[in-house]
């Protein structure tokens, strides 16, 4: 991989952006005073990252623009707080999501999806992904609560399906936003996952949490349907799976 290390962030705006075999790392570190430390901000519609690595701590990947459709295929994305966030419609397919060691007393949250209105197209689907602890977290043997996500905005929408989730994920699955009651308008779904962290018996009982989606519901979040991938991905030459 070609590696880019930055202390601010890399940004992409032009539509149709494609990156392959690229590592982008924000080197700000986990310290609380550093706060947000984005590695990549993508505002590109019909964009693809293929076999890339994105490394950071808080807010590693910012998937922006509610009208944009984005695919992340076979990427490795690591971080601590809200390390995949934004309001785009994005599918992560066969990616590896690694929770890192945060500062003392801090939880890890993989996603913070920011859909503002019910009619917005945004949302995250994480299909056939692996969720695990990164080397620093695993080596310390630290007990750090890691969650699939928390609702950044009232219509936050995230689906994990057909993936492998390790025991790094807390049985409750989802975390409320700071000092806020989880909105009934969020949509968090799970379908066909495996691994010790995929057990849904202990999930939070919020109204918007759907821990046992059926195939017809899960189909709505596939590449073919959620980001209309068959209309634009063939021209990129990137391999993808259109359905379940």
Protein backbone atom coordinates (compact mmCIF):
# COMPACT_ATOMS: atom_id res chain seq x y z
CA UNK A 1 0.00 0.00 0.00
CA UNK A 2 1.06 3.57 -0.70
CA UNK A 3 0.83 5.33 2.69
CA UNK A 4 -0.11 8.94 3.40
CA UNK A 5 0.32 10.18 6.99
CA UNK A 6 -1.37 13.44 7.93
CA UNK A 7 -2.09 15.58 10.98
CA UNK A 8 -5.25 17.13 9.49
CA UNK A 9 -7.22 15.15 6.88
CA UNK A 10 -7.40 14.24 3.25
CA UNK A 11 -10.55 15.31 1.42
CA UNK A 12 -12.30 14.21 -1.77
CA UNK A 13 -15.01 16.28 -3.49
CA UNK A 14 -15.11 15.33 -7.17
CA UNK A 15 -17.73 12.79 -8.18
CA UNK A 16 -16.62 9.39 -9.42
CA UNK A 17 -13.53 9.23 -7.22
CA UNK A 18 -11.75 5.85 -7.08
CA UNK A 19 -8.83 4.88 -4.82
CA UNK A 20 -7.05 1.53 -4.66
CA UNK A 21 -4.19 0.14 -2.56
CA UNK A 22 -3.85 3.35 -0.55
CA UNK A 23 -3.33 3.85 3.19
CA UNK A 24 -4.37 7.15 4.74
CA UNK A 25 -3.52 7.66 8.40
CA UNK A 26 -4.22 10.56 10.74
CA UNK A 27 -1.34 10.66 13.21
CA UNK A 28 -2.95 12.95 15.81
CA UNK A 29 -3.30 10.03 18.23
CA UNK A 30 -5.92 9.12 20.82
CA UNK A 31 -5.47 11.99 23.26
CA UNK A 32 -8.70 13.67 24.36
CA UNK A 33 -7.43 17.18 23.60
CA UNK A 34 -6.94 16.21 19.95
CA UNK A 35 -10.66 15.47 19.59
CA UNK A 36 -11.77 14.86 16.03
CA UNK A 37 -8.98 13.51 13.86
CA UNK A 38 -10.40 12.67 10.42
CA UNK A 39 -8.18 10.68 8.08
CA UNK A 40 -10.45 10.88 5.03
CA UNK A 41 -13.41 13.14 4.25
CA UNK A 42 -15.31 11.86 1.21
CA UNK A 43 -17.98 14.06 -0.36
CA UNK A 44 -17.76 12.23 -3.67
CA UNK A 45 -20.88 10.73 -5.24
CA UNK A 46 -20.49 7.33 -6.93
CA UNK A 47 -17.10 6.87 -5.28
CA UNK A 48 -15.18 3.69 -4.51
CA UNK A 49 -12.36 2.82 -2.14
CA UNK A 50 -10.94 -0.60 -2.95
CA UNK A 51 -8.39 -2.45 -0.83
CA UNK A 52 -7.51 0.72 1.08
CA UNK A 53 -6.61 1.25 4.73
CA UNK A 54 -7.88 4.17 6.79
CA UNK A 55 -6.28 4.61 10.21
CA UNK A 56 -7.05 7.06 12.97
CA UNK A 57 -8.72 7.28 16.33
CA UNK A 58 -11.74 9.58 16.64
CA UNK A 59 -13.77 10.10 13.41
CA UNK A 60 -11.39 8.26 11.07
CA UNK A 61 -13.72 8.23 8.03
CA UNK A 62 -16.25 10.96 7.26
CA UNK A 63 -18.77 9.83 4.64
CA UNK A 64 -20.40 13.13 3.77
CA UNK A 65 -23.24 14.50 1.59
CA UNK A 66 -26.66 12.84 2.02
CA UNK A 67 -27.06 12.64 -1.75
CA UNK A 68 -23.80 10.76 -2.32
CA UNK A 69 -23.50 7.01 -2.91
CA UNK A 70 -20.25 5.39 -1.79
CA UNK A 71 -18.77 1.88 -1.80
CA UNK A 72 -15.91 0.68 0.41
CA UNK A 73 -14.75 -2.75 -0.71
CA UNK A 74 -12.14 -4.90 1.08
CA UNK A 75 -10.89 -1.94 3.12
CA UNK A 76 -9.43 -1.91 6.63
CA UNK A 77 -10.76 0.90 8.81
CA UNK A 78 -9.60 1.43 12.38
CA UNK A 79 -10.38 3.87 15.15
CA UNK A 80 -12.04 4.51 18.50
CA UNK A 81 -14.87 7.05 18.75
CA UNK A 82 -17.38 7.22 15.86
CA UNK A 83 -14.69 6.08 13.48
CA UNK A 84 -17.12 5.75 10.57
CA UNK A 85 -19.50 8.71 10.56
CA UNK A 86 -21.46 11.02 8.28
CA UNK A 87 -24.71 11.28 6.33
CA UNK A 88 -23.88 9.63 2.99
CA UNK A 89 -25.42 6.41 1.67
CA UNK A 90 -22.48 4.04 1.98
CA UNK A 91 -22.01 0.29 1.72
CA UNK A 92 -18.97 -1.36 3.30
CA UNK A 93 -18.44 -4.78 1.74
CA UNK A 94 -15.91 -7.36 2.98
CA UNK A 95 -14.17 -4.71 5.06
CA UNK A 96 -12.25 -5.20 8.31
CA UNK A 97 -13.29 -2.83 11.11
CA UNK A 98 -10.78 -2.63 13.95
CA UNK A 99 -11.45 -1.07 17.35
CA UNK A 100 -8.32 0.52 18.78
CA UNK A 101 -7.25 1.29 22.35
CA UNK A 102 -8.88 4.59 23.40
CA UNK A 103 -7.98 6.92 26.24
CA UNK A 104 -8.81 5.77 29.75
CA UNK A 105 -12.55 5.72 30.44
CA UNK A 106 -13.60 6.13 26.81
CA UNK A 107 -15.87 3.78 24.85
CA UNK A 108 -15.40 2.76 21.23
CA UNK A 109 -18.22 3.33 18.74
CA UNK A 110 -17.81 2.03 15.21
CA UNK A 111 -20.50 4.15 13.53
CA UNK A 112 -22.19 7.51 14.07
CA UNK A 113 -24.57 7.85 11.15
CA UNK A 114 -26.07 11.31 10.66
CA UNK A 115 -29.33 11.09 8.69
CA UNK A 116 -31.26 14.25 9.60
CA UNK A 117 -34.66 13.69 7.91
CA UNK A 118 -36.77 10.64 7.16
CA UNK A 119 -36.64 11.36 3.44
CA UNK A 120 -32.84 11.52 3.27
CA UNK A 121 -31.17 8.65 1.41
CA UNK A 122 -28.25 8.33 3.82
CA UNK A 123 -27.32 5.32 5.88
CA UNK A 124 -24.56 2.76 6.34
CA UNK A 125 -24.71 -0.91 5.41
CA UNK A 126 -21.83 -3.07 6.59
CA UNK A 127 -22.06 -6.32 4.64
CA UNK A 128 -19.79 -9.35 5.08
CA UNK A 129 -17.45 -7.29 7.25
CA UNK A 130 -15.25 -8.45 10.11
CA UNK A 131 -15.42 -6.55 13.40
CA UNK A 132 -12.48 -7.15 15.75
CA UNK A 133 -9.96 -5.55 18.11
CA UNK A 134 -6.88 -3.91 16.60
CA UNK A 135 -3.44 -4.99 17.81
CA UNK A 136 -3.11 -2.29 20.48
CA UNK A 137 -6.45 -3.14 22.09
CA UNK A 138 -5.92 -6.90 21.83
CA UNK A 139 -2.37 -6.75 23.21
CA UNK A 140 -3.41 -4.87 26.33
CA UNK A 141 -6.21 -7.28 27.06
CA UNK A 142 -8.11 -4.18 28.12
CA UNK A 143 -11.80 -4.30 28.87
CA UNK A 144 -13.09 -1.52 26.64
CA UNK A 145 -16.76 -1.26 25.80
CA UNK A 146 -17.11 -1.22 22.01
CA UNK A 147 -20.44 -0.63 20.29
CA UNK A 148 -21.73 -1.02 16.75
CA UNK A 149 -22.79 2.61 16.76
CA UNK A 150 -24.65 5.52 18.29
CA UNK A 151 -27.19 7.96 16.80
CA UNK A 152 -25.48 11.17 15.77
CA UNK A 153 -28.72 12.52 14.26
CA UNK A 154 -32.42 11.63 14.82
CA UNK A 155 -32.87 9.38 11.77
CA UNK A 156 -29.55 7.57 12.09
CA UNK A 157 -29.61 4.39 9.98
CA UNK A 158 -27.10 1.50 10.15
CA UNK A 159 -27.37 -2.17 9.16
CA UNK A 160 -24.80 -4.88 9.93
CA UNK A 161 -25.40 -8.01 7.88
CA UNK A 162 -23.71 -11.28 6.97
CA UNK A 163 -20.58 -10.35 8.87
CA UNK A 164 -18.37 -11.78 11.59
CA UNK A 165 -18.48 -9.88 14.87
CA UNK A 166 -15.98 -10.73 17.59
CA UNK A 167 -16.48 -10.45 21.32
CA UNK A 168 -14.96 -6.97 21.22
CA UNK A 169 -18.55 -5.74 20.74
CA UNK A 170 -20.58 -5.20 23.90
CA UNK A 171 -23.69 -7.43 24.09
CA UNK A 172 -25.91 -4.33 24.18
CA UNK A 173 -24.76 -3.50 20.66
CA UNK A 174 -25.70 0.17 20.52
CA UNK A 175 -24.90 3.21 22.66
CA UNK A 176 -27.01 6.36 23.20
CA UNK A 177 -25.62 9.73 22.20
CA UNK A 178 -24.19 11.68 25.12
CA UNK A 179 -26.88 12.47 27.72
CA UNK A 180 -29.67 11.95 25.17
CA UNK A 181 -32.60 9.57 24.99
CA UNK A 182 -32.30 7.41 21.84
CA UNK A 183 -34.80 8.72 19.27
CA UNK A 184 -37.59 6.38 18.14
CA UNK A 185 -36.82 7.51 14.57
CA UNK A 186 -33.45 5.76 14.29
CA UNK A 187 -33.09 2.48 12.37
CA UNK A 188 -30.49 -0.06 13.47
CA UNK A 189 -30.66 -3.52 11.90
CA UNK A 190 -28.80 -6.81 12.01
CA UNK A 191 -29.09 -9.78 9.67
CA UNK A 192 -27.25 -13.07 9.36
CA UNK A 193 -24.14 -12.18 11.36
CA UNK A 194 -21.98 -14.73 13.16
CA UNK A 195 -19.39 -14.72 15.93
CA UNK A 196 -19.65 -14.15 19.68
CA UNK A 197 -20.45 -10.46 19.27
CA UNK A 198 -23.32 -11.21 16.90
CA UNK A 199 -25.58 -12.68 19.61
CA UNK A 200 -28.61 -10.38 19.78
CA UNK A 201 -30.18 -11.60 23.00
CA UNK A 202 -28.66 -8.77 25.03
CA UNK A 203 -29.26 -5.94 22.58
CA UNK A 204 -30.81 -2.68 23.76
CA UNK A 205 -34.59 -2.65 23.40
CA UNK A 206 -34.95 0.70 21.69
CA UNK A 207 -37.91 1.05 19.36
CA UNK A 208 -35.67 1.58 16.32
CA UNK A 209 -33.47 -1.47 16.88
CA UNK A 210 -34.28 -4.45 14.63
CA UNK A 211 -31.95 -7.24 15.65
CA UNK A 212 -33.50 -9.98 13.53
CA UNK A 213 -34.17 -8.62 10.06
CA UNK A 214 -35.52 -11.05 7.50
CA UNK A 215 -34.05 -11.41 3.99
CA UNK A 216 -36.62 -9.15 2.36
CA UNK A 217 -35.78 -6.33 4.78
CA UNK A 218 -32.03 -6.85 4.46
CA UNK A 219 -32.25 -6.71 0.66
CA UNK A 220 -33.15 -3.03 0.88
CA UNK A 221 -29.58 -2.31 2.05
CA UNK A 222 -27.64 -4.20 -0.61
CA UNK A 223 -25.37 -2.54 -3.18
CA UNK A 224 -27.96 -3.10 -5.90
CA UNK A 225 -30.81 -1.44 -4.08
CA UNK A 226 -29.39 0.92 -1.46
CA UNK A 227 -26.78 2.71 -3.59
CA UNK A 228 -28.07 1.66 -7.04
CA UNK A 229 -24.67 0.11 -7.64
CA UNK A 230 -25.56 -1.78 -10.82
CA UNK A 231 -26.09 1.58 -12.52
CA UNK A 232 -22.58 2.90 -11.97
CA UNK A 233 -20.19 0.35 -10.43
CA UNK A 234 -19.55 -1.81 -13.54
CA UNK A 235 -17.71 1.06 -15.22
CA UNK A 236 -15.28 1.28 -12.28
CA UNK A 237 -13.98 -2.26 -12.84
CA UNK A 238 -14.19 -2.93 -9.09
CA UNK A 239 -15.56 -6.29 -7.99
CA UNK A 240 -18.68 -6.13 -5.84
CA UNK A 241 -21.60 -8.24 -4.71
CA UNK A 242 -24.93 -6.71 -5.78
CA UNK A 243 -27.25 -8.60 -3.41
CA UNK A 244 -27.23 -10.79 -0.32
